[in-house]
């Protein structure tokens, strides 16, 4: 595994958990509490930014390959697995700690 792949995996893990860590929508809007829809929107935006970073890194090493829908569904599933710790921390442990 090259250093760019390792860095991409770390960035993807952080990006997947960032929507659940930040309390402000998109990191800048002032709201008392984010709704679940904001978390989903931020998760999709982070997935897109991570995909753009991966495409750029691939283009630096070799010509980018065209991907089918199976590739993108697998990447989305992996991104959602990466987001699981942030989701659990926000929706399950946060309520338990407040009691």
Foldseek 3Di string as FASTA:
>chain_A
DDPLVVVLVVLLLCQLLVLLVDQAQVNDHDDPGDDVVSSVVSNVVSLVVSVVSVCVVVVVVDNDDDDDPVVVVVSSVVSVVSNVVSVCVRPPVVVVVVD
